[in-house]
C-alpha cells in the first residue's frame, strides 16, 4: 500500500504537467490539422464539427495533437520542441513518455480502490498498473478500454481520452484487434509513425461509430472521463466504421 501511495502521489504531479502540455498543444492546433482530424474521425459535416457527446471533444483533440501528422511530426511534438527539461527529471520523463505515447487496447483485470487498475495491454502483451482514481471507481474487471497510454517506469496513465468498449464481448474485441495484430509486441513497437497513427485512427473511428462516447461521463470539472456500461451495438448491415465502404458484416464484423 505504501508503494501505491507513492505512485499515486507521483501520478498526480505528472498528470498536472501532462495536462498543461496537452492543453497548450490543443491551443496551437493549425486549421488544416483540425479539419483533417475531424474528417478522419467522421466528425465533419462540411466545414462543421458535429459531436454527439461532451466526451467527443476530448477524444477529437487527443487525436489532432497525437495522430494527425505533418511531415512526420504531430502537433504535441512540435509544441514540445520549444520546451526544455533537466536530465533525469520528472519533466524529462514526461516529455519522453509523450513522444512514445501508444494507442492500444486494455482489458481491466483488478481494481485498486483509490489508485487505479491492474490491466493487460493486449496489443503489447504487457501487464500494467493503470493509475487513475476515477477508473478505480467506475471500471469493472473484464471491461475493455481503447486508449492512448503514457508509460512510465512504475505506472501508466491515459492521455485523458479513453473509450470503454463494453459494447463488445471478448470475441468481437479480438476481431477488432486481429485486424492489426502482427503477432508480437515487438512488431507493434516497430510500426512506423504513419502506421501507428492509422491504427489509432481506425480504432477511435470504430469506437465513435459504435456510440461508446455517449457512455462516458465526467465527474468534477476538469476530471478525466469515466466510462459506464454501454448498450449500443453496430448493426451488421450498417457501413463498417473502419471506413472501408463495405457493410460491417462483410468487413470487421466477419
C-alpha atoms as a PDB file:
ATOM      1  CA  UNK A   1       0.000   0.000   0.000  1.00  0.00           C
ATOM      2  CA  UNK A   2       2.906   2.390   0.698  1.00  0.00           C
ATOM      3  CA  UNK A   3       4.175   1.720  -2.833  1.00  0.00           C
ATOM      4  CA  UNK A   4       0.753   2.505  -4.308  1.00  0.00           C
ATOM      5  CA  UNK A   5       0.533   5.699  -2.257  1.00  0.00           C
ATOM      6  CA  UNK A   6       3.910   6.843  -3.599  1.00  0.00           C
ATOM      7  CA  UNK A   7       2.876   6.010  -7.166  1.00  0.00           C
ATOM      8  CA  UNK A   8      -0.382   7.895  -6.754  1.00  0.00           C
ATOM      9  CA  UNK A   9       1.427  10.947  -5.419  1.00  0.00           C
ATOM     10  CA  UNK A  10       3.803  10.914  -8.389  1.00  0.00           C
ATOM     11  CA  UNK A  11       0.930  10.334 -10.826  1.00  0.00           C
ATOM     12  CA  UNK A  12      -0.931  13.400  -9.550  1.00  0.00           C
ATOM     13  CA  UNK A  13       2.175  15.542 -10.100  1.00  0.00           C
ATOM     14  CA  UNK A  14       2.772  14.076 -13.544  1.00  0.00           C
ATOM     15  CA  UNK A  15      -0.871  14.485 -14.587  1.00  0.00           C
ATOM     16  CA  UNK A  16      -0.729  18.244 -13.926  1.00  0.00           C
ATOM     17  CA  UNK A  17       2.299  18.611 -16.179  1.00  0.00           C
ATOM     18  CA  UNK A  18       0.832  16.373 -18.907  1.00  0.00           C
ATOM     19  CA  UNK A  19      -2.467  18.263 -18.822  1.00  0.00           C
ATOM     20  CA  UNK A  20      -0.675  21.614 -19.135  1.00  0.00           C
ATOM     21  CA  UNK A  21       1.351  20.415 -22.134  1.00  0.00           C
ATOM     22  CA  UNK A  22      -1.642  18.852 -23.845  1.00  0.00           C
ATOM     23  CA  UNK A  23      -3.871  21.894 -23.273  1.00  0.00           C
ATOM     24  CA  UNK A  24      -1.199  24.172 -24.702  1.00  0.00           C
ATOM     25  CA  UNK A  25      -0.776  21.859 -27.710  1.00  0.00           C
ATOM     26  CA  UNK A  26      -4.539  21.840 -28.307  1.00  0.00           C
ATOM     27  CA  UNK A  27      -4.462  25.631 -28.354  1.00  0.00           C
ATOM     28  CA  UNK A  28      -1.839  25.505 -31.105  1.00  0.00           C
ATOM     29  CA  UNK A  29      -3.688  23.141 -33.489  1.00  0.00           C
ATOM     30  CA  UNK A  30      -3.486  24.611 -37.028  1.00  0.00           C
ATOM     31  CA  UNK A  31      -6.711  24.880 -39.025  1.00  0.00           C
ATOM     32  CA  UNK A  32      -5.686  22.261 -41.600  1.00  0.00           C
ATOM     33  CA  UNK A  33      -4.885  19.727 -38.849  1.00  0.00           C
ATOM     34  CA  UNK A  34      -8.214  20.489 -37.166  1.00  0.00           C
ATOM     35  CA  UNK A  35     -10.114  19.880 -40.411  1.00  0.00           C
ATOM     36  CA  UNK A  36      -8.163  16.727 -41.284  1.00  0.00           C
ATOM     37  CA  UNK A  37      -8.699  15.271 -37.804  1.00  0.00           C
ATOM     38  CA  UNK A  38     -12.454  15.889 -37.998  1.00  0.00           C
ATOM     39  CA  UNK A  39     -12.673  14.127 -41.364  1.00  0.00           C
ATOM     40  CA  UNK A  40     -10.575  11.178 -40.204  1.00  0.00           C
ATOM     41  CA  UNK A  41     -12.878  10.533 -37.238  1.00  0.00           C
ATOM     42  CA  UNK A  42     -16.100  11.074 -39.182  1.00  0.00           C
ATOM     43  CA  UNK A  43     -16.967  14.185 -37.163  1.00  0.00           C
ATOM     44  CA  UNK A  44     -17.032  16.640 -40.075  1.00  0.00           C
ATOM     45  CA  UNK A  45     -20.199  17.722 -41.864  1.00  0.00           C
ATOM     46  CA  UNK A  46     -18.779  20.007 -44.499  1.00  0.00           C
ATOM     47  CA  UNK A  47     -16.913  22.662 -42.518  1.00  0.00           C
ATOM     48  CA  UNK A  48     -18.890  21.946 -39.342  1.00  0.00           C
ATOM     49  CA  UNK A  49     -17.640  19.816 -36.441  1.00  0.00           C
ATOM     50  CA  UNK A  50     -20.530  17.620 -35.275  1.00  0.00           C
ATOM     51  CA  UNK A  51     -20.418  15.738 -31.953  1.00  0.00           C
ATOM     52  CA  UNK A  52     -22.952  13.599 -30.127  1.00  0.00           C
ATOM     53  CA  UNK A  53     -21.465  13.758 -26.632  1.00  0.00           C
ATOM     54  CA  UNK A  54     -19.331  16.033 -24.455  1.00  0.00           C
ATOM     55  CA  UNK A  55     -16.563  13.440 -24.295  1.00  0.00           C
ATOM     56  CA  UNK A  56     -16.055  13.518 -28.075  1.00  0.00           C
ATOM     57  CA  UNK A  57     -14.222  16.845 -27.954  1.00  0.00           C
ATOM     58  CA  UNK A  58     -11.545  15.385 -25.653  1.00  0.00           C
ATOM     59  CA  UNK A  59     -11.244  12.389 -27.994  1.00  0.00           C
ATOM     60  CA  UNK A  60     -11.084  14.634 -31.068  1.00  0.00           C
ATOM     61  CA  UNK A  61      -8.488  16.972 -29.521  1.00  0.00           C
ATOM     62  CA  UNK A  62      -6.364  13.998 -28.427  1.00  0.00           C
ATOM     63  CA  UNK A  63      -6.483  12.670 -31.995  1.00  0.00           C
ATOM     64  CA  UNK A  64      -5.500  16.026 -33.505  1.00  0.00           C
ATOM     65  CA  UNK A  65      -2.440  16.552 -31.314  1.00  0.00           C
ATOM     66  CA  UNK A  66      -1.147  12.973 -31.440  1.00  0.00           C
ATOM     67  CA  UNK A  67      -2.253  11.303 -34.685  1.00  0.00           C
ATOM     68  CA  UNK A  68      -2.627  13.930 -37.402  1.00  0.00           C
ATOM     69  CA  UNK A  69       0.847  14.211 -38.872  1.00  0.00           C
ATOM     70  CA  UNK A  70       2.529  16.877 -40.948  1.00  0.00           C
ATOM     71  CA  UNK A  71       5.918  15.958 -42.411  1.00  0.00           C
ATOM     72  CA  UNK A  72       6.103  13.030 -39.996  1.00  0.00           C
ATOM     73  CA  UNK A  73       5.538  15.078 -36.839  1.00  0.00           C
ATOM     74  CA  UNK A  74       2.465  15.660 -34.689  1.00  0.00           C
ATOM     75  CA  UNK A  75       1.232  18.836 -33.010  1.00  0.00           C
ATOM     76  CA  UNK A  76       2.326  17.972 -29.488  1.00  0.00           C
ATOM     77  CA  UNK A  77       5.875  17.144 -30.593  1.00  0.00           C
ATOM     78  CA  UNK A  78       6.124  20.465 -32.402  1.00  0.00           C
ATOM     79  CA  UNK A  79       4.979  22.207 -29.227  1.00  0.00           C
ATOM     80  CA  UNK A  80       7.464  20.289 -27.050  1.00  0.00           C
ATOM     81  CA  UNK A  81      10.341  21.156 -29.367  1.00  0.00           C
ATOM     82  CA  UNK A  82      10.265  24.548 -27.653  1.00  0.00           C
ATOM     83  CA  UNK A  83      10.424  23.089 -24.135  1.00  0.00           C
ATOM     84  CA  UNK A  84      13.452  22.125 -22.069  1.00  0.00           C
ATOM     85  CA  UNK A  85      13.785  19.715 -19.158  1.00  0.00           C
ATOM     86  CA  UNK A  86      16.658  18.850 -16.834  1.00  0.00           C
ATOM     87  CA  UNK A  87      18.135  15.371 -17.461  1.00  0.00           C
ATOM     88  CA  UNK A  88      16.686  12.629 -15.229  1.00  0.00           C
ATOM     89  CA  UNK A  89      13.880  14.919 -14.036  1.00  0.00           C
ATOM     90  CA  UNK A  90      10.163  14.085 -13.987  1.00  0.00           C
ATOM     91  CA  UNK A  91       9.741  16.658 -16.766  1.00  0.00           C
ATOM     92  CA  UNK A  92      12.246  14.815 -18.960  1.00  0.00           C
ATOM     93  CA  UNK A  93      10.467  11.502 -18.297  1.00  0.00           C
ATOM     94  CA  UNK A  94       7.128  13.136 -19.150  1.00  0.00           C
ATOM     95  CA  UNK A  95       8.441  14.562 -22.419  1.00  0.00           C
ATOM     96  CA  UNK A  96       9.801  11.156 -23.409  1.00  0.00           C
ATOM     97  CA  UNK A  97       6.568   9.365 -22.449  1.00  0.00           C
ATOM     98  CA  UNK A  98       4.543  11.807 -24.558  1.00  0.00           C
ATOM     99  CA  UNK A  99       6.812  11.277 -27.557  1.00  0.00           C
ATOM    100  CA  UNK A 100       6.475   7.498 -27.077  1.00  0.00           C
ATOM    101  CA  UNK A 101       2.697   7.552 -26.477  1.00  0.00           C
ATOM    102  CA  UNK A 102       0.978   4.457 -27.834  1.00  0.00           C
ATOM    103  CA  UNK A 103      -2.622   3.757 -28.724  1.00  0.00           C
ATOM    104  CA  UNK A 104      -3.730   0.338 -27.554  1.00  0.00           C
ATOM    105  CA  UNK A 105      -6.403  -1.948 -26.126  1.00  0.00           C
ATOM    106  CA  UNK A 106      -6.576  -2.596 -22.394  1.00  0.00           C
ATOM    107  CA  UNK A 107      -8.524  -5.237 -20.543  1.00  0.00           C
ATOM    108  CA  UNK A 108      -9.230  -4.352 -16.909  1.00  0.00           C
ATOM    109  CA  UNK A 109      -8.259  -7.180 -14.558  1.00  0.00           C
ATOM    110  CA  UNK A 110      -8.455  -5.861 -10.989  1.00  0.00           C
ATOM    111  CA  UNK A 111      -9.493  -2.615  -9.372  1.00  0.00           C
ATOM    112  CA  UNK A 112      -7.195  -0.956  -6.864  1.00  0.00           C
ATOM    113  CA  UNK A 113      -9.530   1.350  -4.892  1.00  0.00           C
ATOM    114  CA  UNK A 114      -8.291   4.915  -4.791  1.00  0.00           C
ATOM    115  CA  UNK A 115      -5.382   4.139  -7.135  1.00  0.00           C
ATOM    116  CA  UNK A 116      -6.432   2.656 -10.479  1.00  0.00           C
ATOM    117  CA  UNK A 117      -6.456  -0.695 -12.208  1.00  0.00           C
ATOM    118  CA  UNK A 118      -4.308  -3.668 -12.922  1.00  0.00           C
ATOM    119  CA  UNK A 119      -4.808  -4.068 -16.662  1.00  0.00           C
ATOM    120  CA  UNK A 120      -3.487  -6.074 -19.569  1.00  0.00           C
ATOM    121  CA  UNK A 121      -2.195  -4.156 -22.579  1.00  0.00           C
ATOM    122  CA  UNK A 122      -3.468  -6.618 -25.157  1.00  0.00           C
ATOM    123  CA  UNK A 123      -1.580  -5.296 -28.188  1.00  0.00           C
ATOM    124  CA  UNK A 124       1.787  -5.050 -26.416  1.00  0.00           C
ATOM    125  CA  UNK A 125       1.166  -8.074 -24.149  1.00  0.00           C
ATOM    126  CA  UNK A 126       2.201  -6.199 -21.042  1.00  0.00           C
ATOM    127  CA  UNK A 127       0.606  -6.073 -17.603  1.00  0.00           C
ATOM    128  CA  UNK A 128       0.340  -2.513 -16.311  1.00  0.00           C
ATOM    129  CA  UNK A 129      -0.659  -0.532 -13.278  1.00  0.00           C
ATOM    130  CA  UNK A 130      -3.022   1.996 -14.883  1.00  0.00           C
ATOM    131  CA  UNK A 131      -3.176   4.835 -12.390  1.00  0.00           C
ATOM    132  CA  UNK A 132      -6.471   6.750 -12.399  1.00  0.00           C
ATOM    133  CA  UNK A 133      -8.640   7.282  -9.322  1.00  0.00           C
ATOM    134  CA  UNK A 134     -11.793   7.683 -11.417  1.00  0.00           C
ATOM    135  CA  UNK A 135     -11.221   4.373 -13.192  1.00  0.00           C
ATOM    136  CA  UNK A 136     -10.733   2.632  -9.847  1.00  0.00           C
ATOM    137  CA  UNK A 137     -14.355   3.566  -9.088  1.00  0.00           C
ATOM    138  CA  UNK A 138     -16.029   3.159 -12.468  1.00  0.00           C
ATOM    139  CA  UNK A 139     -14.315   0.422 -14.483  1.00  0.00           C
ATOM    140  CA  UNK A 140     -15.352  -3.157 -13.870  1.00  0.00           C
ATOM    141  CA  UNK A 141     -12.954  -6.114 -14.243  1.00  0.00           C
ATOM    142  CA  UNK A 142     -13.338  -7.562 -17.720  1.00  0.00           C
ATOM    143  CA  UNK A 143     -14.163  -4.205 -19.326  1.00  0.00           C
ATOM    144  CA  UNK A 144     -12.274  -3.351 -22.495  1.00  0.00           C
ATOM    145  CA  UNK A 145     -10.828   0.147 -22.974  1.00  0.00           C
ATOM    146  CA  UNK A 146      -9.185   1.588 -26.051  1.00  0.00           C
ATOM    147  CA  UNK A 147      -6.931   4.482 -25.158  1.00  0.00           C
ATOM    148  CA  UNK A 148      -3.647   6.268 -25.634  1.00  0.00           C
ATOM    149  CA  UNK A 149      -1.129   5.412 -22.945  1.00  0.00           C
ATOM    150  CA  UNK A 150       1.812   7.220 -21.446  1.00  0.00           C
ATOM    151  CA  UNK A 151       4.053   4.576 -19.862  1.00  0.00           C
ATOM    152  CA  UNK A 152       6.481   5.335 -17.042  1.00  0.00           C
ATOM    153  CA  UNK A 153       8.785   3.016 -15.137  1.00  0.00           C
ATOM    154  CA  UNK A 154       6.303   2.199 -12.367  1.00  0.00           C
ATOM    155  CA  UNK A 155       2.865   3.079 -13.768  1.00  0.00           C
ATOM    156  CA  UNK A 156       0.927   4.000 -16.887  1.00  0.00           C
ATOM    157  CA  UNK A 157      -1.725   6.658 -17.439  1.00  0.00           C
ATOM    158  CA  UNK A 158      -4.117   7.602 -20.207  1.00  0.00           C
ATOM    159  CA  UNK A 159      -3.911  10.911 -22.039  1.00  0.00           C
ATOM    160  CA  UNK A 160      -7.475  11.605 -20.823  1.00  0.00           C
ATOM    161  CA  UNK A 161      -9.447  10.371 -23.837  1.00  0.00           C
ATOM    162  CA  UNK A 162     -10.184   6.732 -23.052  1.00  0.00           C
ATOM    163  CA  UNK A 163     -13.185   4.952 -24.563  1.00  0.00           C
ATOM    164  CA  UNK A 164     -14.914   1.984 -22.885  1.00  0.00           C
ATOM    165  CA  UNK A 165     -15.641  -0.831 -25.304  1.00  0.00           C
ATOM    166  CA  UNK A 166     -18.226  -2.503 -23.067  1.00  0.00           C
ATOM    167  CA  UNK A 167     -20.450  -2.881 -26.158  1.00  0.00           C
ATOM    168  CA  UNK A 168     -18.246  -5.759 -27.300  1.00  0.00           C
ATOM    169  CA  UNK A 169     -17.859  -9.244 -25.979  1.00  0.00           C
ATOM    170  CA  UNK A 170     -14.357 -10.692 -25.975  1.00  0.00           C
ATOM    171  CA  UNK A 171     -14.771 -12.371 -29.365  1.00  0.00           C
ATOM    172  CA  UNK A 172     -15.779  -9.116 -31.059  1.00  0.00           C
ATOM    173  CA  UNK A 173     -12.993  -7.151 -29.388  1.00  0.00           C
ATOM    174  CA  UNK A 174     -10.483  -9.754 -30.547  1.00  0.00           C
ATOM    175  CA  UNK A 175     -11.770  -9.361 -34.124  1.00  0.00           C
ATOM    176  CA  UNK A 176     -11.032  -5.638 -33.987  1.00  0.00           C
ATOM    177  CA  UNK A 177      -7.558  -6.299 -32.625  1.00  0.00           C
ATOM    178  CA  UNK A 178      -6.811  -9.093 -35.118  1.00  0.00           C
ATOM    179  CA  UNK A 179      -7.255  -6.627 -37.981  1.00  0.00           C
ATOM    180  CA  UNK A 180      -3.926  -5.119 -36.882  1.00  0.00           C
ATOM    181  CA  UNK A 181      -2.192  -7.853 -34.900  1.00  0.00           C
ATOM    182  CA  UNK A 182       1.326  -8.583 -36.158  1.00  0.00           C
ATOM    183  CA  UNK A 183       1.908 -11.464 -33.765  1.00  0.00           C
ATOM    184  CA  UNK A 184       4.307  -9.974 -31.215  1.00  0.00           C
ATOM    185  CA  UNK A 185       4.689  -6.874 -29.025  1.00  0.00           C
ATOM    186  CA  UNK A 186       7.952  -6.044 -30.784  1.00  0.00           C
ATOM    187  CA  UNK A 187       6.108  -5.697 -34.079  1.00  0.00           C
ATOM    188  CA  UNK A 188       3.785  -3.078 -32.649  1.00  0.00           C
ATOM    189  CA  UNK A 189       6.719  -1.170 -31.241  1.00  0.00           C
ATOM    190  CA  UNK A 190       8.406  -1.299 -34.657  1.00  0.00           C
ATOM    191  CA  UNK A 191       5.437   0.076 -36.596  1.00  0.00           C
ATOM    192  CA  UNK A 192       6.144   3.290 -38.473  1.00  0.00           C
ATOM    193  CA  UNK A 193       4.767   6.577 -37.156  1.00  0.00           C
ATOM    194  CA  UNK A 194       2.257   6.623 -40.025  1.00  0.00           C
ATOM    195  CA  UNK A 195       1.070   3.063 -39.297  1.00  0.00           C
ATOM    196  CA  UNK A 196       0.662   3.793 -35.568  1.00  0.00           C
ATOM    197  CA  UNK A 197      -1.425   6.854 -36.414  1.00  0.00           C
ATOM    198  CA  UNK A 198      -3.562   4.871 -38.859  1.00  0.00           C
ATOM    199  CA  UNK A 199      -4.126   2.155 -36.262  1.00  0.00           C
ATOM    200  CA  UNK A 200      -5.246   4.699 -33.651  1.00  0.00           C
ATOM    201  CA  UNK A 201      -7.498   6.476 -36.155  1.00  0.00           C
ATOM    202  CA  UNK A 202      -9.338   3.295 -37.127  1.00  0.00           C
ATOM    203  CA  UNK A 203      -9.844   2.199 -33.508  1.00  0.00           C
ATOM    204  CA  UNK A 204     -11.199   5.594 -32.459  1.00  0.00           C
ATOM    205  CA  UNK A 205     -13.387   5.950 -35.546  1.00  0.00           C
ATOM    206  CA  UNK A 206     -14.909   2.497 -34.992  1.00  0.00           C
ATOM    207  CA  UNK A 207     -15.499   3.163 -31.296  1.00  0.00           C
ATOM    208  CA  UNK A 208     -17.185   6.511 -32.034  1.00  0.00           C
ATOM    209  CA  UNK A 209     -19.361   4.923 -34.717  1.00  0.00           C
ATOM    210  CA  UNK A 210     -20.475   2.337 -32.158  1.00  0.00           C
ATOM    211  CA  UNK A 211     -21.667   5.160 -29.910  1.00  0.00           C
ATOM    212  CA  UNK A 212     -19.431   4.411 -26.938  1.00  0.00           C
ATOM    213  CA  UNK A 213     -18.638   8.112 -26.404  1.00  0.00           C
ATOM    214  CA  UNK A 214     -22.247   8.532 -25.277  1.00  0.00           C
ATOM    215  CA  UNK A 215     -21.428   6.195 -22.394  1.00  0.00           C
ATOM    216  CA  UNK A 216     -18.657   8.334 -20.915  1.00  0.00           C
ATOM    217  CA  UNK A 217     -19.423  10.656 -18.020  1.00  0.00           C
ATOM    218  CA  UNK A 218     -17.491  13.471 -16.358  1.00  0.00           C
ATOM    219  CA  UNK A 219     -17.254  13.899 -12.615  1.00  0.00           C
ATOM    220  CA  UNK A 220     -15.980  17.156 -11.190  1.00  0.00           C
ATOM    221  CA  UNK A 221     -14.982  19.898 -13.607  1.00  0.00           C
ATOM    222  CA  UNK A 222     -11.702  19.098 -15.336  1.00  0.00           C
ATOM    223  CA  UNK A 223     -11.743  15.448 -14.284  1.00  0.00           C
ATOM    224  CA  UNK A 224     -10.840  12.588 -16.582  1.00  0.00           C
ATOM    225  CA  UNK A 225     -13.820  10.996 -18.380  1.00  0.00           C
ATOM    226  CA  UNK A 226     -15.323   7.963 -16.662  1.00  0.00           C
ATOM    227  CA  UNK A 227     -16.682   5.022 -18.711  1.00  0.00           C
ATOM    228  CA  UNK A 228     -20.050   3.499 -17.839  1.00  0.00           C
ATOM    229  CA  UNK A 229     -21.867   0.461 -19.203  1.00  0.00           C
ATOM    230  CA  UNK A 230     -22.759   0.763 -22.881  1.00  0.00           C
ATOM    231  CA  UNK A 231     -25.747  -0.722 -24.686  1.00  0.00           C
ATOM    232  CA  UNK A 232     -25.484   0.233 -28.381  1.00  0.00           C
ATOM    233  CA  UNK A 233     -24.059  -2.282 -30.842  1.00  0.00           C
ATOM    234  CA  UNK A 234     -23.455  -1.601 -34.505  1.00  0.00           C
ATOM    235  CA  UNK A 235     -25.814  -3.382 -36.916  1.00  0.00           C
ATOM    236  CA  UNK A 236     -24.274  -5.980 -39.226  1.00  0.00           C
ATOM    237  CA  UNK A 237     -25.881  -4.244 -42.204  1.00  0.00           C
ATOM    238  CA  UNK A 238     -24.538  -0.764 -41.376  1.00  0.00           C
ATOM    239  CA  UNK A 239     -21.456   0.602 -43.184  1.00  0.00           C
ATOM    240  CA  UNK A 240     -18.319  -0.582 -41.399  1.00  0.00           C
ATOM    241  CA  UNK A 241     -16.988   2.211 -39.175  1.00  0.00           C
ATOM    242  CA  UNK A 242     -13.420   1.458 -40.266  1.00  0.00           C
ATOM    243  CA  UNK A 243     -14.206   3.436 -43.433  1.00  0.00           C
ATOM    244  CA  UNK A 244     -13.712   0.575 -45.916  1.00  0.00           C
ATOM    245  CA  UNK A 245     -17.055   1.266 -47.627  1.00  0.00           C
ATOM    246  CA  UNK A 246     -18.223  -2.314 -47.011  1.00  0.00           C
ATOM    247  CA  UNK A 247     -21.048  -3.422 -44.754  1.00  0.00           C
ATOM    248  CA  UNK A 248     -19.930  -4.259 -41.214  1.00  0.00           C
ATOM    249  CA  UNK A 249     -20.834  -7.947 -41.699  1.00  0.00           C
ATOM    250  CA  UNK A 250     -18.594  -8.101 -44.805  1.00  0.00           C
ATOM    251  CA  UNK A 251     -15.662  -6.371 -43.147  1.00  0.00           C
ATOM    252  CA  UNK A 252     -14.629  -6.135 -39.466  1.00  0.00           C
ATOM    253  CA  UNK A 253     -17.799  -7.951 -38.365  1.00  0.00           C
ATOM    254  CA  UNK A 254     -16.854 -11.190 -40.104  1.00  0.00           C
END
